[in-house]
C-alpha atoms as a PDB file:
ATOM      1  CA  MET A   1     131.091 112.963  50.016  1.00  0.00           C
ATOM      2  CA  PRO A   2     127.862 111.726  48.291  1.00  0.00           C
ATOM      3  CA  GLU A   3     126.309 113.854  46.303  1.00  0.00           C
ATOM      4  CA  ASP A   4     123.677 116.110  47.579  1.00  0.00           C
ATOM      5  CA  ILE A   5     120.481 114.646  45.515  1.00  0.00           C
ATOM      6  CA  ARG A   6     119.545 118.365  44.671  1.00  0.00           C
ATOM      7  CA  ASP A   7     122.691 118.673  42.390  1.00  0.00           C
ATOM      8  CA  LYS A   8     122.164 115.462  40.857  1.00  0.00           C
ATOM      9  CA  PRO A   9     121.591 115.571  36.714  1.00  0.00           C
ATOM     10  CA  TYR A  10     119.419 113.011  37.277  1.00  0.00           C
ATOM     11  CA  LEU A  11     118.008 109.948  39.732  1.00  0.00           C
ATOM     12  CA  LEU A  12     118.391 106.271  39.728  1.00  0.00           C
ATOM     13  CA  HIS A  13     116.208 103.806  41.290  1.00  0.00           C
ATOM     14  CA  LYS A  14     119.041 103.093  44.077  1.00  0.00           C
ATOM     15  CA  ASP A  15     119.226 106.801  44.748  1.00  0.00           C
ATOM     16  CA  ILE A  16     115.665 106.921  46.239  1.00  0.00           C
ATOM     17  CA  LEU A  17     116.075 103.772  48.184  1.00  0.00           C
ATOM     18  CA  GLY A  18     119.550 105.766  49.622  1.00  0.00           C
ATOM     19  CA  LEU A  19     117.061 108.498  50.968  1.00  0.00           C
ATOM     20  CA  ASN A  20     116.681 108.340  54.512  1.00  0.00           C
ATOM     21  CA  PHE A  21     112.870 109.197  54.293  1.00  0.00           C
ATOM     22  CA  ILE A  22     112.289 106.233  52.034  1.00  0.00           C
ATOM     23  CA  ARG A  23     111.429 102.821  52.127  1.00  0.00           C
ATOM     24  CA  ASP A  24     114.209 100.061  51.550  1.00  0.00           C
ATOM     25  CA  PRO A  25     113.481  98.083  49.937  1.00  0.00           C
ATOM     26  CA  GLY A  26     109.772  99.192  49.713  1.00  0.00           C
ATOM     27  CA  ILE A  27     107.457  97.826  47.402  1.00  0.00           C
ATOM     28  CA  TYR A  28     107.813  99.942  44.356  1.00  0.00           C
ATOM     29  CA  LEU A  29     110.347 100.723  41.320  1.00  0.00           C
ATOM     30  CA  TYR A  30     111.224 103.969  40.558  1.00  0.00           C
ATOM     31  CA  ARG A  31     112.404 105.369  37.353  1.00  0.00           C
ATOM     32  CA  ARG A  32     113.200 108.866  36.223  1.00  0.00           C
ATOM     33  CA  HIS A  33     110.618 110.553  34.416  1.00  0.00           C
ATOM     34  CA  TYR A  34     110.898 111.864  31.090  1.00  0.00           C
ATOM     35  CA  ARG A  35     110.728 115.376  32.255  1.00  0.00           C
ATOM     36  CA  SER A  36     112.865 115.765  35.152  1.00  0.00           C
ATOM     37  CA  GLY A  37     114.500 119.233  35.118  1.00  0.00           C
ATOM     38  CA  LEU A  38     116.070 121.705  36.349  1.00  0.00           C
ATOM     39  CA  ARG A  39     113.588 122.415  39.046  1.00  0.00           C
ATOM     40  CA  SER A  40     112.995 118.919  39.893  1.00  0.00           C
ATOM     41  CA  HIS A  41     113.638 115.105  39.791  1.00  0.00           C
ATOM     42  CA  ILE A  42     110.270 113.656  39.013  1.00  0.00           C
ATOM     43  CA  MET A  43     110.380 109.723  39.319  1.00  0.00           C
ATOM     44  CA  GLN A  44     107.702 108.112  38.026  1.00  0.00           C
ATOM     45  CA  VAL A  45     106.405 105.363  41.107  1.00  0.00           C
ATOM     46  CA  LEU A  46     105.774 101.612  39.781  1.00  0.00           C
ATOM     47  CA  ASN A  47     104.071  98.975  40.528  1.00  0.00           C
ATOM     48  CA  PRO A  48     106.998  95.954  40.012  1.00  0.00           C
ATOM     49  CA  GLU A  49     104.842  93.393  38.415  1.00  0.00           C
ATOM     50  CA  ASP A  50     103.621  95.983  36.045  1.00  0.00           C
ATOM     51  CA  VAL A  51     107.408  96.853  35.102  1.00  0.00           C
ATOM     52  CA  GLU A  52     107.954  92.966  34.975  1.00  0.00           C
ATOM     53  CA  LYS A  53     105.101  92.897  32.328  1.00  0.00           C
ATOM     54  CA  GLU A  54     106.806  95.508  30.027  1.00  0.00           C
ATOM     55  CA  ASN A  55     110.171  93.965  30.744  1.00  0.00           C
ATOM     56  CA  LYS A  56     109.195  89.948  29.616  1.00  0.00           C
ATOM     57  CA  GLY A  57     105.828  90.581  28.119  1.00  0.00           C
ATOM     58  CA  ILE A  58     102.518  89.392  28.427  1.00  0.00           C
ATOM     59  CA  ILE A  59     100.765  86.478  26.039  1.00  0.00           C
ATOM     60  CA  ILE A  60      97.111  88.053  24.568  1.00  0.00           C
ATOM     61  CA  ASP A  61      95.625  86.045  21.876  1.00  0.00           C
ATOM     62  CA  GLY A  62      98.576  83.988  21.014  1.00  0.00           C
ATOM     63  CA  LEU A  63     100.407  87.299  20.709  1.00  0.00           C
ATOM     64  CA  ARG A  64     103.736  88.557  23.024  1.00  0.00           C
ATOM     65  CA  TRP A  65     102.569  92.439  23.522  1.00  0.00           C
ATOM     66  CA  TYR A  66     104.803  94.423  26.067  1.00  0.00           C
ATOM     67  CA  PRO A  67     102.744  96.971  27.545  1.00  0.00           C
ATOM     68  CA  ARG A  68     104.003 100.068  28.695  1.00  0.00           C
ATOM     69  CA  ALA A  69     104.130 100.094  32.824  1.00  0.00           C
ATOM     70  CA  GLU A  70     101.999 103.264  33.708  1.00  0.00           C
ATOM     71  CA  PRO A  71     102.593 105.170  36.896  1.00  0.00           C
ATOM     72  CA  LEU A  72     101.532 104.627  40.147  1.00  0.00           C
ATOM     73  CA  LYS A  73     102.199 108.398  41.203  1.00  0.00           C
ATOM     74  CA  MET A  74     104.802 110.792  40.483  1.00  0.00           C
ATOM     75  CA  LEU A  75     107.519 111.637  43.208  1.00  0.00           C
ATOM     76  CA  ARG A  76     109.152 114.783  43.033  1.00  0.00           C
ATOM     77  CA  ILE A  77     112.036 115.979  44.580  1.00  0.00           C
ATOM     78  CA  PHE A  78     112.019 119.788  44.405  1.00  0.00           C
ATOM     79  CA  ARG A  79     115.692 121.066  43.693  1.00  0.00           C
ATOM     80  CA  LYS A  80     115.269 124.604  44.990  1.00  0.00           C
ATOM     81  CA  ARG A  81     116.811 124.832  48.856  1.00  0.00           C
ATOM     82  CA  PHE A  82     115.345 126.329  52.193  1.00  0.00           C
ATOM     83  CA  ASP A  83     116.914 128.158  55.144  1.00  0.00           C
ATOM     84  CA  THR A  84     113.812 128.164  57.420  1.00  0.00           C
ATOM     85  CA  LEU A  85     110.699 125.854  58.029  1.00  0.00           C
ATOM     86  CA  GLU A  86     108.753 129.560  56.879  1.00  0.00           C
ATOM     87  CA  ASP A  87     110.633 129.422  53.633  1.00  0.00           C
ATOM     88  CA  ALA A  88     109.669 126.342  52.752  1.00  0.00           C
ATOM     89  CA  GLU A  89     105.995 126.487  53.980  1.00  0.00           C
ATOM     90  CA  GLU A  90     105.896 129.782  52.063  1.00  0.00           C
ATOM     91  CA  GLU A  91     106.466 128.050  49.135  1.00  0.00           C
ATOM     92  CA  LEU A  92     103.793 125.255  50.179  1.00  0.00           C
ATOM     93  CA  LYS A  93     101.410 128.438  50.195  1.00  0.00           C
ATOM     94  CA  ARG A  94     101.911 128.995  46.476  1.00  0.00           C
ATOM     95  CA  VAL A  95     101.469 125.533  45.568  1.00  0.00           C
ATOM     96  CA  LYS A  96      98.177 125.693  47.901  1.00  0.00           C
ATOM     97  CA  ILE A  97      96.449 129.256  45.686  1.00  0.00           C
ATOM     98  CA  ILE A  98      97.011 126.824  42.580  1.00  0.00           C
ATOM     99  CA  GLN A  99      95.004 123.774  44.384  1.00  0.00           C
ATOM    100  CA  THR A 100      92.733 126.775  45.546  1.00  0.00           C
ATOM    101  CA  TYR A 101      91.718 128.307  41.474  1.00  0.00           C
ATOM    102  CA  LEU A 102      92.411 125.078  39.909  1.00  0.00           C
ATOM    103  CA  ALA A 103      91.027 122.391  41.921  1.00  0.00           C
ATOM    104  CA  SER A 104      91.157 118.699  40.811  1.00  0.00           C
ATOM    105  CA  ASP A 105      89.405 118.964  37.153  1.00  0.00           C
ATOM    106  CA  TYR A 106      92.737 121.116  35.603  1.00  0.00           C
ATOM    107  CA  LEU A 107      95.377 120.391  38.239  1.00  0.00           C
ATOM    108  CA  ALA A 108      97.264 116.844  38.543  1.00  0.00           C
ATOM    109  CA  ARG A 109      97.113 116.734  42.172  1.00  0.00           C
ATOM    110  CA  PRO A 110     100.237 117.541  43.700  1.00  0.00           C
ATOM    111  CA  GLY A 111     100.298 115.899  47.627  1.00  0.00           C
ATOM    112  CA  GLU A 112     102.924 118.252  48.511  1.00  0.00           C
ATOM    113  CA  PHE A 113     105.207 117.205  51.727  1.00  0.00           C
ATOM    114  CA  LEU A 114     108.484 118.425  53.793  1.00  0.00           C
ATOM    115  CA  VAL A 115     111.218 115.957  54.808  1.00  0.00           C
ATOM    116  CA  ASP A 116     114.500 116.197  56.776  1.00  0.00           C
ATOM    117  CA  TYR A 117     116.732 115.034  54.413  1.00  0.00           C
ATOM    118  CA  SER A 118     119.551 113.625  56.320  1.00  0.00           C
ATOM    119  CA  ARG A 119     123.182 114.157  55.149  1.00  0.00           C
ATOM    120  CA  HIS A 120     126.398 113.860  57.067  1.00  0.00           C
ATOM    121  CA  GLY A 121     124.373 113.705  60.608  1.00  0.00           C
ATOM    122  CA  LYS A 122     122.587 117.063  59.735  1.00  0.00           C
ATOM    123  CA  CYS A 123     119.137 117.541  58.684  1.00  0.00           C
ATOM    124  CA  GLU A 124     117.965 119.558  55.619  1.00  0.00           C
ATOM    125  CA  ILE A 125     114.248 120.480  54.851  1.00  0.00           C
ATOM    126  CA  LEU A 126     113.558 119.118  51.426  1.00  0.00           C
ATOM    127  CA  LEU A 127     110.261 119.626  49.494  1.00  0.00           C
ATOM    128  CA  CYS A 128     108.682 116.488  47.939  1.00  0.00           C
ATOM    129  CA  GLY A 129     105.368 115.946  45.942  1.00  0.00           C
ATOM    130  CA  LEU A 130     103.558 112.480  45.294  1.00  0.00           C
ATOM    131  CA  GLN A 131     101.396 113.826  42.321  1.00  0.00           C
ATOM    132  CA  GLU A 132      98.811 112.253  40.600  1.00  0.00           C
ATOM    133  CA  TYR A 133      99.946 111.092  36.818  1.00  0.00           C
ATOM    134  CA  VAL A 134      98.232 112.078  34.491  1.00  0.00           C
ATOM    135  CA  GLN A 135      97.585 110.435  31.071  1.00  0.00           C
ATOM    136  CA  GLY A 136      97.122 112.059  28.229  1.00  0.00           C
ATOM    137  CA  GLN A 137      98.750 114.513  25.172  1.00  0.00           C
ATOM    138  CA  ILE A 138     101.092 117.680  25.720  1.00  0.00           C
ATOM    139  CA  LEU A 139      99.152 120.490  24.635  1.00  0.00           C
ATOM    140  CA  ASP A 140     101.320 123.366  23.397  1.00  0.00           C
ATOM    141  CA  PRO A 141      99.947 126.254  23.251  1.00  0.00           C
ATOM    142  CA  TRP A 142     102.919 127.617  20.471  1.00  0.00           C
ATOM    143  CA  GLY A 143     101.208 124.478  18.351  1.00  0.00           C
ATOM    144  CA  LEU A 144      98.852 123.724  16.746  1.00  0.00           C
ATOM    145  CA  LEU A 145      95.318 123.744  18.542  1.00  0.00           C
ATOM    146  CA  ASN A 146      93.105 123.564  15.456  1.00  0.00           C
ATOM    147  CA  ARG A 147      90.442 121.302  14.732  1.00  0.00           C
ATOM    148  CA  ASP A 148      92.135 118.648  13.060  1.00  0.00           C
ATOM    149  CA  HIS A 149      95.351 118.873  15.125  1.00  0.00           C
ATOM    150  CA  LEU A 150      92.993 118.463  18.335  1.00  0.00           C
ATOM    151  CA  ALA A 151      91.062 115.268  16.386  1.00  0.00           C
ATOM    152  CA  SER A 152      94.815 114.081  16.213  1.00  0.00           C
ATOM    153  CA  LEU A 153      95.948 114.608  19.985  1.00  0.00           C
ATOM    154  CA  ARG A 154      92.293 112.399  20.388  1.00  0.00           C
ATOM    155  CA  HIS A 155      93.204 109.671  18.058  1.00  0.00           C
ATOM    156  CA  ASP A 156      96.729 109.367  19.990  1.00  0.00           C
ATOM    157  CA  MET A 157      94.652 108.852  23.008  1.00  0.00           C
ATOM    158  CA  GLY A 158      93.212 105.656  21.512  1.00  0.00           C
ATOM    159  CA  PHE A 159      90.107 106.494  20.248  1.00  0.00           C
ATOM    160  CA  ASP A 160      88.251 104.449  18.075  1.00  0.00           C
ATOM    161  CA  ASN A 161      88.691 106.395  14.529  1.00  0.00           C
ATOM    162  CA  THR A 162      86.124 104.376  12.376  1.00  0.00           C
ATOM    163  CA  GLU A 163      83.470 104.996  10.336  1.00  0.00           C
ATOM    164  CA  GLY A 164      80.721 107.087  11.956  1.00  0.00           C
ATOM    165  CA  SER A 165      83.714 108.582  14.531  1.00  0.00           C
ATOM    166  CA  ALA A 166      83.337 111.759  13.298  1.00  0.00           C
ATOM    167  CA  ARG A 167      79.982 113.094  14.715  1.00  0.00           C
ATOM    168  CA  ILE A 168      81.397 111.727  18.016  1.00  0.00           C
ATOM    169  CA  SER A 169      85.615 113.817  17.550  1.00  0.00           C
ATOM    170  CA  ASP A 170      83.317 116.956  16.496  1.00  0.00           C
ATOM    171  CA  GLN A 171      81.353 116.531  20.622  1.00  0.00           C
ATOM    172  CA  TRP A 172      84.676 115.876  22.490  1.00  0.00           C
ATOM    173  CA  ILE A 173      86.568 118.631  20.042  1.00  0.00           C
ATOM    174  CA  ARG A 174      83.381 120.694  21.428  1.00  0.00           C
ATOM    175  CA  GLY A 175      83.972 119.707  24.925  1.00  0.00           C
ATOM    176  CA  VAL A 176      87.459 120.817  24.903  1.00  0.00           C
ATOM    177  CA  ARG A 177      86.823 124.270  23.854  1.00  0.00           C
ATOM    178  CA  GLU A 178      83.883 124.622  26.868  1.00  0.00           C
ATOM    179  CA  ARG A 179      86.672 123.170  28.883  1.00  0.00           C
ATOM    180  CA  ALA A 180      89.641 125.262  28.386  1.00  0.00           C
ATOM    181  CA  ASP A 181      87.219 128.707  28.717  1.00  0.00           C
ATOM    182  CA  ASN A 182      86.424 127.142  32.192  1.00  0.00           C
ATOM    183  CA  PHE A 183      89.793 126.595  32.590  1.00  0.00           C
ATOM    184  CA  ILE A 184      90.933 130.598  31.113  1.00  0.00           C
ATOM    185  CA  LYS A 185      88.474 131.831  33.431  1.00  0.00           C
ATOM    186  CA  LYS A 186      89.917 130.286  36.446  1.00  0.00           C
ATOM    187  CA  LEU A 187      93.340 131.205  35.823  1.00  0.00           C
ATOM    188  CA  LYS A 188      92.231 134.961  35.523  1.00  0.00           C
ATOM    189  CA  GLN A 189      90.333 134.737  38.490  1.00  0.00           C
ATOM    190  CA  MET A 190      93.851 133.375  39.867  1.00  0.00           C
ATOM    191  CA  ILE A 191      95.748 136.261  38.428  1.00  0.00           C
ATOM    192  CA  ALA A 192      93.113 139.095  39.173  1.00  0.00           C
ATOM    193  CA  GLU A 193      92.574 138.241  43.055  1.00  0.00           C
ATOM    194  CA  THR A 194      96.167 136.396  43.984  1.00  0.00           C
ATOM    195  CA  GLY A 195      98.936 138.517  41.951  1.00  0.00           C
ATOM    196  CA  ARG A 196     100.118 135.252  40.848  1.00  0.00           C
ATOM    197  CA  VAL A 197     100.294 132.853  37.615  1.00  0.00           C
ATOM    198  CA  PRO A 198     101.708 129.203  37.369  1.00  0.00           C
ATOM    199  CA  ASP A 199     104.122 128.119  34.427  1.00  0.00           C
ATOM    200  CA  LEU A 200     102.176 128.260  31.455  1.00  0.00           C
ATOM    201  CA  ALA A 201     105.158 128.041  29.293  1.00  0.00           C
ATOM    202  CA  GLY A 202     107.188 124.996  29.938  1.00  0.00           C
ATOM    203  CA  ALA A 203     107.672 121.924  27.543  1.00  0.00           C
ATOM    204  CA  GLY A 204     104.597 119.762  28.902  1.00  0.00           C
ATOM    205  CA  ASN A 205     103.419 121.481  31.378  1.00  0.00           C
ATOM    206  CA  LEU A 206     100.042 121.053  30.168  1.00  0.00           C
ATOM    207  CA  ILE A 207      98.107 118.141  29.547  1.00  0.00           C
ATOM    208  CA  LEU A 208      94.827 117.498  27.812  1.00  0.00           C
ATOM    209  CA  THR A 209      92.686 114.147  29.279  1.00  0.00           C
ATOM    210  CA  ARG A 210      90.674 111.791  27.067  1.00  0.00           C
ATOM    211  CA  SER A 211      87.770 113.617  29.351  1.00  0.00           C
ATOM    212  CA  GLY A 212      88.749 117.467  27.493  1.00  0.00           C
ATOM    213  CA  ASN A 213      90.216 118.543  30.496  1.00  0.00           C
ATOM    214  CA  ILE A 214      93.365 120.337  30.318  1.00  0.00           C
ATOM    215  CA  LYS A 215      95.580 119.414  33.198  1.00  0.00           C
ATOM    216  CA  LEU A 216      98.561 121.848  34.644  1.00  0.00           C
ATOM    217  CA  VAL A 217     101.130 118.700  35.906  1.00  0.00           C
ATOM    218  CA  ASP A 218     103.861 121.183  36.545  1.00  0.00           C
ATOM    219  CA  ILE A 219     103.370 123.778  39.883  1.00  0.00           C
ATOM    220  CA  ASN A 220     107.079 124.789  40.367  1.00  0.00           C
ATOM    221  CA  ASN A 221     107.177 127.644  39.410  1.00  0.00           C
ATOM    222  CA  VAL A 222     104.472 130.126  40.330  1.00  0.00           C
ATOM    223  CA  SER A 223     105.258 133.853  39.362  1.00  0.00           C
ATOM    224  CA  ARG A 224     104.413 136.948  40.765  1.00  0.00           C
ATOM    225  CA  VAL A 225     102.457 139.242  38.040  1.00  0.00           C
ATOM    226  CA  SER A 226     103.282 142.980  38.015  1.00  0.00           C
ATOM    227  CA  PHE A 227     101.474 145.022  34.965  1.00  0.00           C
ATOM    228  CA  ASP A 228     103.958 147.679  35.441  1.00  0.00           C
ATOM    229  CA  SER A 229     107.036 147.633  32.621  1.00  0.00           C
ATOM    230  CA  ILE A 230     109.442 145.744  34.686  1.00  0.00           C
ATOM    231  CA  ILE A 231     110.040 142.338  32.991  1.00  0.00           C
ATOM    232  CA  SER A 232     110.863 140.326  35.741  1.00  0.00           C
ATOM    233  CA  LEU A 233     112.742 137.111  35.878  1.00  0.00           C
ATOM    234  CA  ASP A 234     112.662 134.010  37.805  1.00  0.00           C
ATOM    235  CA  ASP A 235     115.586 132.603  39.629  1.00  0.00           C
ATOM    236  CA  ARG A 236     117.082 131.204  36.221  1.00  0.00           C
ATOM    237  CA  GLY A 237     116.496 134.510  34.559  1.00  0.00           C
ATOM    238  CA  TYR A 238     113.587 133.180  32.764  1.00  0.00           C
ATOM    239  CA  PRO A 239     110.600 135.431  32.010  1.00  0.00           C
ATOM    240  CA  ILE A 240     108.175 133.086  33.495  1.00  0.00           C
ATOM    241  CA  CYS A 241     105.375 135.771  34.257  1.00  0.00           C
ATOM    242  CA  ASP A 242     105.244 137.056  30.622  1.00  0.00           C
ATOM    243  CA  LYS A 243     105.658 133.912  28.626  1.00  0.00           C
ATOM    244  CA  SER A 244     103.078 132.109  30.519  1.00  0.00           C
ATOM    245  CA  ILE A 245     100.311 134.779  30.364  1.00  0.00           C
ATOM    246  CA  GLU A 246     101.215 134.460  26.418  1.00  0.00           C
ATOM    247  CA  ALA A 247     100.584 131.394  26.980  1.00  0.00           C
ATOM    248  CA  LEU A 248      97.500 131.727  27.996  1.00  0.00           C
ATOM    249  CA  SER A 249      96.166 134.401  25.243  1.00  0.00           C
ATOM    250  CA  LEU A 250      97.218 132.071  22.656  1.00  0.00           C
ATOM    251  CA  ILE A 251      95.237 128.972  24.278  1.00  0.00           C
ATOM    252  CA  GLU A 252      92.389 131.754  24.081  1.00  0.00           C
ATOM    253  CA  GLN A 253      93.501 132.520  20.884  1.00  0.00           C
ATOM    254  CA  LYS A 254      93.379 129.411  19.257  1.00  0.00           C
ATOM    255  CA  LEU A 255      90.848 126.873  21.106  1.00  0.00           C
ATOM    256  CA  LEU A 256      88.436 129.858  21.656  1.00  0.00           C
ATOM    257  CA  GLY A 257      88.505 132.204  18.469  1.00  0.00           C
ATOM    258  CA  ARG A 258      89.270 135.172  20.194  1.00  0.00           C
ATOM    259  CA  PHE A 259      91.648 137.477  18.953  1.00  0.00           C
ATOM    260  CA  SER A 260      90.409 141.285  20.102  1.00  0.00           C
ATOM    261  CA  LEU A 261      92.590 140.243  23.499  1.00  0.00           C
ATOM    262  CA  ARG A 262      94.212 144.084  23.808  1.00  0.00           C
ATOM    263  CA  THR A 263      91.055 144.901  25.547  1.00  0.00           C
ATOM    264  CA  ASP A 264      91.154 142.352  28.194  1.00  0.00           C
ATOM    265  CA  PRO A 265      93.126 144.782  31.518  1.00  0.00           C
ATOM    266  CA  ILE A 266      95.510 141.030  31.986  1.00  0.00           C
ATOM    267  CA  TYR A 267      96.828 140.981  28.575  1.00  0.00           C
ATOM    268  CA  ASP A 268      97.243 145.071  28.118  1.00  0.00           C
ATOM    269  CA  THR A 269     100.234 145.337  29.872  1.00  0.00           C
ATOM    270  CA  PHE A 270     101.885 141.811  28.501  1.00  0.00           C
ATOM    271  CA  LEU A 271     100.655 141.470  24.980  1.00  0.00           C
ATOM    272  CA  ASP A 272     102.510 145.141  23.850  1.00  0.00           C
ATOM    273  CA  PRO A 273     104.432 144.395  20.513  1.00  0.00           C
ATOM    274  CA  GLU A 274     107.511 146.225  21.928  1.00  0.00           C
ATOM    275  CA  ARG A 275     107.408 144.344  25.650  1.00  0.00           C
ATOM    276  CA  VAL A 276     107.144 141.045  23.534  1.00  0.00           C
ATOM    277  CA  LYS A 277     110.168 141.831  21.044  1.00  0.00           C
ATOM    278  CA  GLU A 278     111.377 142.208  24.539  1.00  0.00           C
ATOM    279  CA  VAL A 279     110.357 139.208  26.175  1.00  0.00           C
ATOM    280  CA  ARG A 280     111.369 136.978  23.035  1.00  0.00           C
ATOM    281  CA  ALA A 281     114.856 138.076  23.264  1.00  0.00           C
ATOM    282  CA  LEU A 282     115.243 137.264  26.701  1.00  0.00           C
ATOM    283  CA  ASP A 283     113.904 134.164  26.214  1.00  0.00           C
ATOM    284  CA  GLU A 284     116.132 133.259  23.349  1.00  0.00           C
ATOM    285  CA  GLU A 285     119.186 134.561  25.696  1.00  0.00           C
ATOM    286  CA  PHE A 286     117.876 132.339  28.535  1.00  0.00           C
ATOM    287  CA  GLN A 287     117.636 129.216  25.814  1.00  0.00           C
ATOM    288  CA  LEU A 288     121.141 130.018  25.109  1.00  0.00           C
ATOM    289  CA  SER A 289     122.510 130.062  28.849  1.00  0.00           C
ATOM    290  CA  MET A 290     120.757 126.748  29.268  1.00  0.00           C
ATOM    291  CA  ALA A 291     122.437 124.578  26.265  1.00  0.00           C
ATOM    292  CA  PRO A 292     124.330 122.589  28.059  1.00  0.00           C
ATOM    293  CA  ALA A 293     122.230 122.021  30.936  1.00  0.00           C
ATOM    294  CA  MET A 294     119.283 120.935  28.910  1.00  0.00           C
ATOM    295  CA  SER A 295     121.067 118.386  26.752  1.00  0.00           C
ATOM    296  CA  TRP A 296     120.748 116.019  30.160  1.00  0.00           C
ATOM    297  CA  GLN A 297     117.877 118.254  31.643  1.00  0.00           C
ATOM    298  CA  GLY A 298     114.115 118.339  30.819  1.00  0.00           C
ATOM    299  CA  SER A 299     112.522 122.080  31.619  1.00  0.00           C
ATOM    300  CA  SER A 300     110.924 121.645  34.502  1.00  0.00           C
END
């Protein structure tokens, strides 16, 4: 009996072509993205001509270069199962909430859709997404976010670092901080008005783009925000709400220089030292429990 695609540790091009809702042979190549993980398969949708250039190289000024094929889109196949169409539509509503508040400046356009996944003569509901591919560098809330680090990320994006570029770099960094301020305001508004927060804590979930925007690229895990003393866990046992609020506070501290955050109603509950200590213990317990799976999966 063929294995359910949602249960496979990872997918290959042939697995995608084997799906009943994908045209075979089709005109695209599908390659596993490095962030495929616990909650969804993520496949790069590639132009075959770009992949051929990547493999065989191209001649420029007498030198052979091997340009990496850039994805046209990212295909997400969610692992989550839905008993009814209503359950799947409820999941889509949570995605719509994020789209409403973050819009395209701060969110990789997700393009979710539901399909009939055919297995053994039966059809099941499968949630997929054809998502915008976002170029940029990972922004880690727990890492360094000072001027030097931002300048390094800018350099890694291919910006010119020659003489006279320091002033331009400083302007770009100021732009990053201004856009981060707006990003934070929109997230706080979402939390206050809907009681929901997306996963800001997952590795690689936030990308800093060349334009200086912070973009959320993972919409797999939208959690409810509760201001009571109970630390809620997601379906994997991870304190995602607390960690996402912590990530938000770290971005605000490090990029905007705001360190007296406990007066903010959103942070008052979640930054309590005893609660932070308890969340850290839950996080460590989760990481230990996931160690075998994480050896072949990402954290998406």
